[in-house]
């Protein structure tokens, strides 16, 4: 039975990318079971959504399933559930090879685009540079607007306030925009279908 306690809002979301190579002719039962898996996961606290990407062409039978949970604890609850285990037991015989699972957290979650398959995140140097482009003017603006007031607050409290404001702005306002603006560089067309 899923847990019902609420998830603390400050914890980082976790993205899981699963690659499954399906035996030819077994695609329909696989997709039905994948839909059932998503329906079951959606009933668990912390579930944030899922996408199924069908194979890019007939020569590559690999499906990619991407789902998010609000934090590592809610993800762990889902992964340990009997709901998940029952469906996995039915999915495994439909596969050419065992599933490949990759868990992504941290700033990589800032660098996702709607409808874009984030199996291959941008290079760390690119993510760092774009994050800095968003971070530098934000911190500068905070200190420009509130520097005099902040100077009167003890250092630890000042740092706590500034970093809280900046992280919220980065996560919800700035990085979604900066990721869209720099998508041409972060996600070059020739890399979009690579693993």
C-alpha atoms as a PDB file:
ATOM      1  CA  UNK A   1       0.000   0.000   0.000  1.00  0.00           C
ATOM      2  CA  UNK A   2       1.458   3.432  -0.930  1.00  0.00           C
ATOM      3  CA  UNK A   3       2.483   5.763   1.856  1.00  0.00           C
ATOM      4  CA  UNK A   4       0.397   8.888   2.261  1.00  0.00           C
ATOM      5  CA  UNK A   5       2.664  11.359   4.017  1.00  0.00           C
ATOM      6  CA  UNK A   6       3.461  14.547   2.135  1.00  0.00           C
ATOM      7  CA  UNK A   7       6.833  15.161   0.547  1.00  0.00           C
ATOM      8  CA  UNK A   8       8.913  18.099   1.786  1.00  0.00           C
ATOM      9  CA  UNK A   9       8.927  20.755  -0.973  1.00  0.00           C
ATOM     10  CA  UNK A  10      12.666  21.487  -0.685  1.00  0.00           C
ATOM     11  CA  UNK A  11      13.825  18.030  -1.791  1.00  0.00           C
ATOM     12  CA  UNK A  12      15.128  17.599  -5.344  1.00  0.00           C
ATOM     13  CA  UNK A  13      13.116  15.762  -7.984  1.00  0.00           C
ATOM     14  CA  UNK A  14      14.594  12.560  -9.389  1.00  0.00           C
ATOM     15  CA  UNK A  15      14.317  11.453 -13.013  1.00  0.00           C
ATOM     16  CA  UNK A  16      14.635   7.795 -13.998  1.00  0.00           C
ATOM     17  CA  UNK A  17      15.410   6.763 -17.581  1.00  0.00           C
ATOM     18  CA  UNK A  18      14.740   3.125 -18.478  1.00  0.00           C
ATOM     19  CA  UNK A  19      15.815   1.593 -21.787  1.00  0.00           C
ATOM     20  CA  UNK A  20      14.068  -1.636 -22.798  1.00  0.00           C
ATOM     21  CA  UNK A  21      14.690  -3.605 -25.996  1.00  0.00           C
ATOM     22  CA  UNK A  22      11.471  -5.463 -26.850  1.00  0.00           C
ATOM     23  CA  UNK A  23      11.255  -8.763 -28.743  1.00  0.00           C
ATOM     24  CA  UNK A  24       9.812  -8.235 -32.240  1.00  0.00           C
ATOM     25  CA  UNK A  25       6.078  -8.906 -32.228  1.00  0.00           C
ATOM     26  CA  UNK A  26       5.749  -8.324 -28.472  1.00  0.00           C
ATOM     27  CA  UNK A  27       5.365  -4.538 -28.680  1.00  0.00           C
ATOM     28  CA  UNK A  28       1.603  -4.416 -28.009  1.00  0.00           C
ATOM     29  CA  UNK A  29       1.666  -6.394 -24.728  1.00  0.00           C
ATOM     30  CA  UNK A  30       4.766  -4.451 -23.694  1.00  0.00           C
ATOM     31  CA  UNK A  31       3.033  -1.098 -24.273  1.00  0.00           C
ATOM     32  CA  UNK A  32      -0.087  -2.279 -22.407  1.00  0.00           C
ATOM     33  CA  UNK A  33       2.021  -3.340 -19.424  1.00  0.00           C
ATOM     34  CA  UNK A  34       3.949  -0.067 -19.545  1.00  0.00           C
ATOM     35  CA  UNK A  35       0.653   1.847 -19.431  1.00  0.00           C
ATOM     36  CA  UNK A  36      -0.442  -0.239 -16.449  1.00  0.00           C
ATOM     37  CA  UNK A  37       2.898   0.467 -14.753  1.00  0.00           C
ATOM     38  CA  UNK A  38       2.376   4.219 -15.255  1.00  0.00           C
ATOM     39  CA  UNK A  39      -1.184   4.048 -13.890  1.00  0.00           C
ATOM     40  CA  UNK A  40       0.028   2.252 -10.790  1.00  0.00           C
ATOM     41  CA  UNK A  41       2.948   4.645 -10.274  1.00  0.00           C
ATOM     42  CA  UNK A  42       0.611   7.639 -10.565  1.00  0.00           C
ATOM     43  CA  UNK A  43      -1.181   6.514  -7.399  1.00  0.00           C
ATOM     44  CA  UNK A  44       2.000   6.837  -5.331  1.00  0.00           C
ATOM     45  CA  UNK A  45       2.924  10.011  -3.434  1.00  0.00           C
ATOM     46  CA  UNK A  46       5.650  11.988  -5.152  1.00  0.00           C
ATOM     47  CA  UNK A  47       4.877  10.784  -8.691  1.00  0.00           C
ATOM     48  CA  UNK A  48       5.434  13.697 -11.122  1.00  0.00           C
ATOM     49  CA  UNK A  49       4.764  12.130 -14.515  1.00  0.00           C
ATOM     50  CA  UNK A  50       6.082   9.739 -17.171  1.00  0.00           C
ATOM     51  CA  UNK A  51       6.739   9.555 -20.906  1.00  0.00           C
ATOM     52  CA  UNK A  52       7.195   6.547 -23.170  1.00  0.00           C
ATOM     53  CA  UNK A  53       9.336   7.001 -26.283  1.00  0.00           C
ATOM     54  CA  UNK A  54       8.811   4.360 -28.950  1.00  0.00           C
ATOM     55  CA  UNK A  55      11.728   3.024 -31.011  1.00  0.00           C
ATOM     56  CA  UNK A  56      13.206   5.580 -33.415  1.00  0.00           C
ATOM     57  CA  UNK A  57      13.190   3.077 -36.302  1.00  0.00           C
ATOM     58  CA  UNK A  58      12.495  -0.578 -37.122  1.00  0.00           C
ATOM     59  CA  UNK A  59      16.160  -1.541 -36.739  1.00  0.00           C
ATOM     60  CA  UNK A  60      16.310  -0.354 -33.124  1.00  0.00           C
ATOM     61  CA  UNK A  61      13.653  -2.031 -30.913  1.00  0.00           C
ATOM     62  CA  UNK A  62      14.561   0.090 -27.872  1.00  0.00           C
ATOM     63  CA  UNK A  63      11.853   1.846 -25.907  1.00  0.00           C
ATOM     64  CA  UNK A  64      12.766   4.605 -23.473  1.00  0.00           C
ATOM     65  CA  UNK A  65      10.583   5.270 -20.451  1.00  0.00           C
ATOM     66  CA  UNK A  66      11.222   8.427 -18.458  1.00  0.00           C
ATOM     67  CA  UNK A  67       9.506   9.162 -15.187  1.00  0.00           C
ATOM     68  CA  UNK A  68       9.950  11.544 -12.287  1.00  0.00           C
ATOM     69  CA  UNK A  69       9.363  11.403  -8.566  1.00  0.00           C
ATOM     70  CA  UNK A  70       9.562  14.332  -6.183  1.00  0.00           C
ATOM     71  CA  UNK A  71      12.568  12.942  -4.291  1.00  0.00           C
ATOM     72  CA  UNK A  72      14.649   9.823  -3.678  1.00  0.00           C
ATOM     73  CA  UNK A  73      12.445   8.625  -0.797  1.00  0.00           C
ATOM     74  CA  UNK A  74       9.217   8.617  -2.810  1.00  0.00           C
ATOM     75  CA  UNK A  75      11.054   6.955  -5.705  1.00  0.00           C
ATOM     76  CA  UNK A  76      12.393   4.273  -3.342  1.00  0.00           C
ATOM     77  CA  UNK A  77       8.859   3.618  -2.042  1.00  0.00           C
ATOM     78  CA  UNK A  78       7.645   3.052  -5.603  1.00  0.00           C
ATOM     79  CA  UNK A  79      10.632   0.888  -6.551  1.00  0.00           C
ATOM     80  CA  UNK A  80      10.107  -1.345  -3.492  1.00  0.00           C
ATOM     81  CA  UNK A  81       6.370  -1.731  -4.104  1.00  0.00           C
ATOM     82  CA  UNK A  82       4.604  -4.961  -5.003  1.00  0.00           C
ATOM     83  CA  UNK A  83       2.612  -2.970  -7.592  1.00  0.00           C
ATOM     84  CA  UNK A  84       5.825  -2.375  -9.533  1.00  0.00           C
ATOM     85  CA  UNK A  85       7.240  -5.875  -8.964  1.00  0.00           C
ATOM     86  CA  UNK A  86       4.094  -7.555 -10.371  1.00  0.00           C
ATOM     87  CA  UNK A  87       4.289  -5.623 -13.652  1.00  0.00           C
ATOM     88  CA  UNK A  88       8.070  -6.037 -13.967  1.00  0.00           C
ATOM     89  CA  UNK A  89       7.644  -9.796 -13.670  1.00  0.00           C
ATOM     90  CA  UNK A  90       5.350  -9.686 -16.726  1.00  0.00           C
ATOM     91  CA  UNK A  91       7.536  -7.241 -18.707  1.00  0.00           C
ATOM     92  CA  UNK A  92      10.870  -9.083 -18.393  1.00  0.00           C
ATOM     93  CA  UNK A  93       9.901 -12.074 -20.650  1.00  0.00           C
ATOM     94  CA  UNK A  94       9.064  -9.566 -23.437  1.00  0.00           C
ATOM     95  CA  UNK A  95      12.596  -8.165 -23.522  1.00  0.00           C
ATOM     96  CA  UNK A  96      15.639  -9.100 -25.592  1.00  0.00           C
ATOM     97  CA  UNK A  97      17.964  -8.127 -22.735  1.00  0.00           C
ATOM     98  CA  UNK A  98      17.561  -6.841 -19.170  1.00  0.00           C
ATOM     99  CA  UNK A  99      16.360  -3.262 -18.699  1.00  0.00           C
ATOM    100  CA  UNK A 100      18.960  -0.511 -18.408  1.00  0.00           C
ATOM    101  CA  UNK A 101      18.143   2.027 -15.695  1.00  0.00           C
ATOM    102  CA  UNK A 102      19.713   5.441 -15.151  1.00  0.00           C
ATOM    103  CA  UNK A 103      18.726   7.763 -12.299  1.00  0.00           C
ATOM    104  CA  UNK A 104      19.295  11.474 -12.832  1.00  0.00           C
ATOM    105  CA  UNK A 105      19.111  14.121 -10.135  1.00  0.00           C
ATOM    106  CA  UNK A 106      20.726  17.432  -9.304  1.00  0.00           C
ATOM    107  CA  UNK A 107      21.103  20.217 -11.844  1.00  0.00           C
ATOM    108  CA  UNK A 108      20.572  17.843 -14.775  1.00  0.00           C
ATOM    109  CA  UNK A 109      16.850  18.247 -13.993  1.00  0.00           C
ATOM    110  CA  UNK A 110      17.181  21.936 -14.846  1.00  0.00           C
ATOM    111  CA  UNK A 111      18.172  20.948 -18.373  1.00  0.00           C
ATOM    112  CA  UNK A 112      15.082  19.253 -19.748  1.00  0.00           C
ATOM    113  CA  UNK A 113      12.804  20.445 -22.527  1.00  0.00           C
ATOM    114  CA  UNK A 114       9.136  19.522 -23.017  1.00  0.00           C
ATOM    115  CA  UNK A 115       8.994  16.723 -25.577  1.00  0.00           C
ATOM    116  CA  UNK A 116      12.778  16.254 -25.567  1.00  0.00           C
ATOM    117  CA  UNK A 117      14.195  12.864 -24.703  1.00  0.00           C
ATOM    118  CA  UNK A 118      16.712  13.620 -21.944  1.00  0.00           C
ATOM    119  CA  UNK A 119      18.486  10.282 -22.130  1.00  0.00           C
ATOM    120  CA  UNK A 120      21.714  12.109 -22.926  1.00  0.00           C
ATOM    121  CA  UNK A 121      22.032  15.243 -20.784  1.00  0.00           C
ATOM    122  CA  UNK A 122      24.129  18.160 -22.043  1.00  0.00           C
ATOM    123  CA  UNK A 123      27.865  18.177 -21.338  1.00  0.00           C
ATOM    124  CA  UNK A 124      28.749  19.289 -17.795  1.00  0.00           C
ATOM    125  CA  UNK A 125      30.701  22.256 -19.144  1.00  0.00           C
ATOM    126  CA  UNK A 126      27.640  23.469 -21.068  1.00  0.00           C
ATOM    127  CA  UNK A 127      25.339  23.003 -18.068  1.00  0.00           C
ATOM    128  CA  UNK A 128      27.817  24.851 -15.851  1.00  0.00           C
ATOM    129  CA  UNK A 129      28.146  27.762 -18.285  1.00  0.00           C
ATOM    130  CA  UNK A 130      24.386  28.199 -18.817  1.00  0.00           C
ATOM    131  CA  UNK A 131      23.778  27.923 -15.055  1.00  0.00           C
ATOM    132  CA  UNK A 132      26.401  30.608 -14.463  1.00  0.00           C
ATOM    133  CA  UNK A 133      24.769  32.837 -17.119  1.00  0.00           C
ATOM    134  CA  UNK A 134      21.534  32.661 -15.131  1.00  0.00           C
ATOM    135  CA  UNK A 135      23.142  32.772 -11.688  1.00  0.00           C
ATOM    136  CA  UNK A 136      25.485  35.746 -12.061  1.00  0.00           C
ATOM    137  CA  UNK A 137      22.889  38.408 -13.017  1.00  0.00           C
ATOM    138  CA  UNK A 138      20.430  37.025 -10.448  1.00  0.00           C
ATOM    139  CA  UNK A 139      22.865  37.286  -7.544  1.00  0.00           C
ATOM    140  CA  UNK A 140      24.044  40.692  -8.788  1.00  0.00           C
ATOM    141  CA  UNK A 141      20.453  41.942  -8.938  1.00  0.00           C
ATOM    142  CA  UNK A 142      19.675  40.653  -5.430  1.00  0.00           C
ATOM    143  CA  UNK A 143      22.685  42.487  -3.997  1.00  0.00           C
ATOM    144  CA  UNK A 144      22.002  45.618  -6.076  1.00  0.00           C
ATOM    145  CA  UNK A 145      18.402  45.851  -4.879  1.00  0.00           C
ATOM    146  CA  UNK A 146      18.802  44.645  -1.305  1.00  0.00           C
ATOM    147  CA  UNK A 147      22.525  45.008  -0.559  1.00  0.00           C
ATOM    148  CA  UNK A 148      22.125  47.698   2.105  1.00  0.00           C
ATOM    149  CA  UNK A 149      19.417  45.749   3.942  1.00  0.00           C
ATOM    150  CA  UNK A 150      21.315  42.459   3.613  1.00  0.00           C
ATOM    151  CA  UNK A 151      24.513  44.013   5.005  1.00  0.00           C
ATOM    152  CA  UNK A 152      22.711  44.534   8.320  1.00  0.00           C
ATOM    153  CA  UNK A 153      21.798  40.840   8.663  1.00  0.00           C
ATOM    154  CA  UNK A 154      24.274  38.368  10.199  1.00  0.00           C
ATOM    155  CA  UNK A 155      26.308  36.486   7.581  1.00  0.00           C
ATOM    156  CA  UNK A 156      24.764  33.034   8.083  1.00  0.00           C
ATOM    157  CA  UNK A 157      21.203  34.340   7.884  1.00  0.00           C
ATOM    158  CA  UNK A 158      22.090  36.598   4.925  1.00  0.00           C
ATOM    159  CA  UNK A 159      23.577  33.659   3.034  1.00  0.00           C
ATOM    160  CA  UNK A 160      20.573  31.498   3.890  1.00  0.00           C
ATOM    161  CA  UNK A 161      18.124  34.112   2.552  1.00  0.00           C
ATOM    162  CA  UNK A 162      20.064  34.923  -0.615  1.00  0.00           C
ATOM    163  CA  UNK A 163      20.666  31.283  -1.566  1.00  0.00           C
ATOM    164  CA  UNK A 164      17.012  30.373  -0.903  1.00  0.00           C
ATOM    165  CA  UNK A 165      15.763  33.174  -3.168  1.00  0.00           C
ATOM    166  CA  UNK A 166      18.323  32.428  -5.865  1.00  0.00           C
ATOM    167  CA  UNK A 167      17.688  28.647  -5.893  1.00  0.00           C
ATOM    168  CA  UNK A 168      13.926  29.117  -6.137  1.00  0.00           C
ATOM    169  CA  UNK A 169      14.400  31.624  -8.975  1.00  0.00           C
ATOM    170  CA  UNK A 170      16.846  29.304 -10.750  1.00  0.00           C
ATOM    171  CA  UNK A 171      14.659  26.202 -10.459  1.00  0.00           C
ATOM    172  CA  UNK A 172      11.273  27.685 -11.324  1.00  0.00           C
ATOM    173  CA  UNK A 173      11.882  30.865 -13.330  1.00  0.00           C
ATOM    174  CA  UNK A 174      15.322  31.091 -14.857  1.00  0.00           C
ATOM    175  CA  UNK A 175      16.535  27.632 -15.854  1.00  0.00           C
ATOM    176  CA  UNK A 176      13.405  26.631 -17.796  1.00  0.00           C
ATOM    177  CA  UNK A 177      13.839  29.830 -19.856  1.00  0.00           C
ATOM    178  CA  UNK A 178      17.621  29.569 -20.199  1.00  0.00           C
ATOM    179  CA  UNK A 179      17.307  25.928 -21.247  1.00  0.00           C
ATOM    180  CA  UNK A 180      14.854  26.898 -24.003  1.00  0.00           C
ATOM    181  CA  UNK A 181      16.973  29.876 -25.104  1.00  0.00           C
ATOM    182  CA  UNK A 182      20.159  27.791 -25.304  1.00  0.00           C
ATOM    183  CA  UNK A 183      18.537  24.550 -26.539  1.00  0.00           C
ATOM    184  CA  UNK A 184      20.280  24.914 -29.915  1.00  0.00           C
ATOM    185  CA  UNK A 185      23.636  24.628 -28.104  1.00  0.00           C
ATOM    186  CA  UNK A 186      22.717  22.335 -25.204  1.00  0.00           C
ATOM    187  CA  UNK A 187      20.907  19.807 -27.399  1.00  0.00           C
ATOM    188  CA  UNK A 188      22.399  19.922 -30.939  1.00  0.00           C
ATOM    189  CA  UNK A 189      20.217  18.158 -33.502  1.00  0.00           C
ATOM    190  CA  UNK A 190      22.833  15.476 -34.217  1.00  0.00           C
ATOM    191  CA  UNK A 191      22.886  14.446 -30.514  1.00  0.00           C
ATOM    192  CA  UNK A 192      19.152  14.313 -29.832  1.00  0.00           C
ATOM    193  CA  UNK A 193      18.690  10.613 -30.563  1.00  0.00           C
ATOM    194  CA  UNK A 194      21.989   9.441 -29.083  1.00  0.00           C
ATOM    195  CA  UNK A 195      22.140   7.567 -25.799  1.00  0.00           C
END
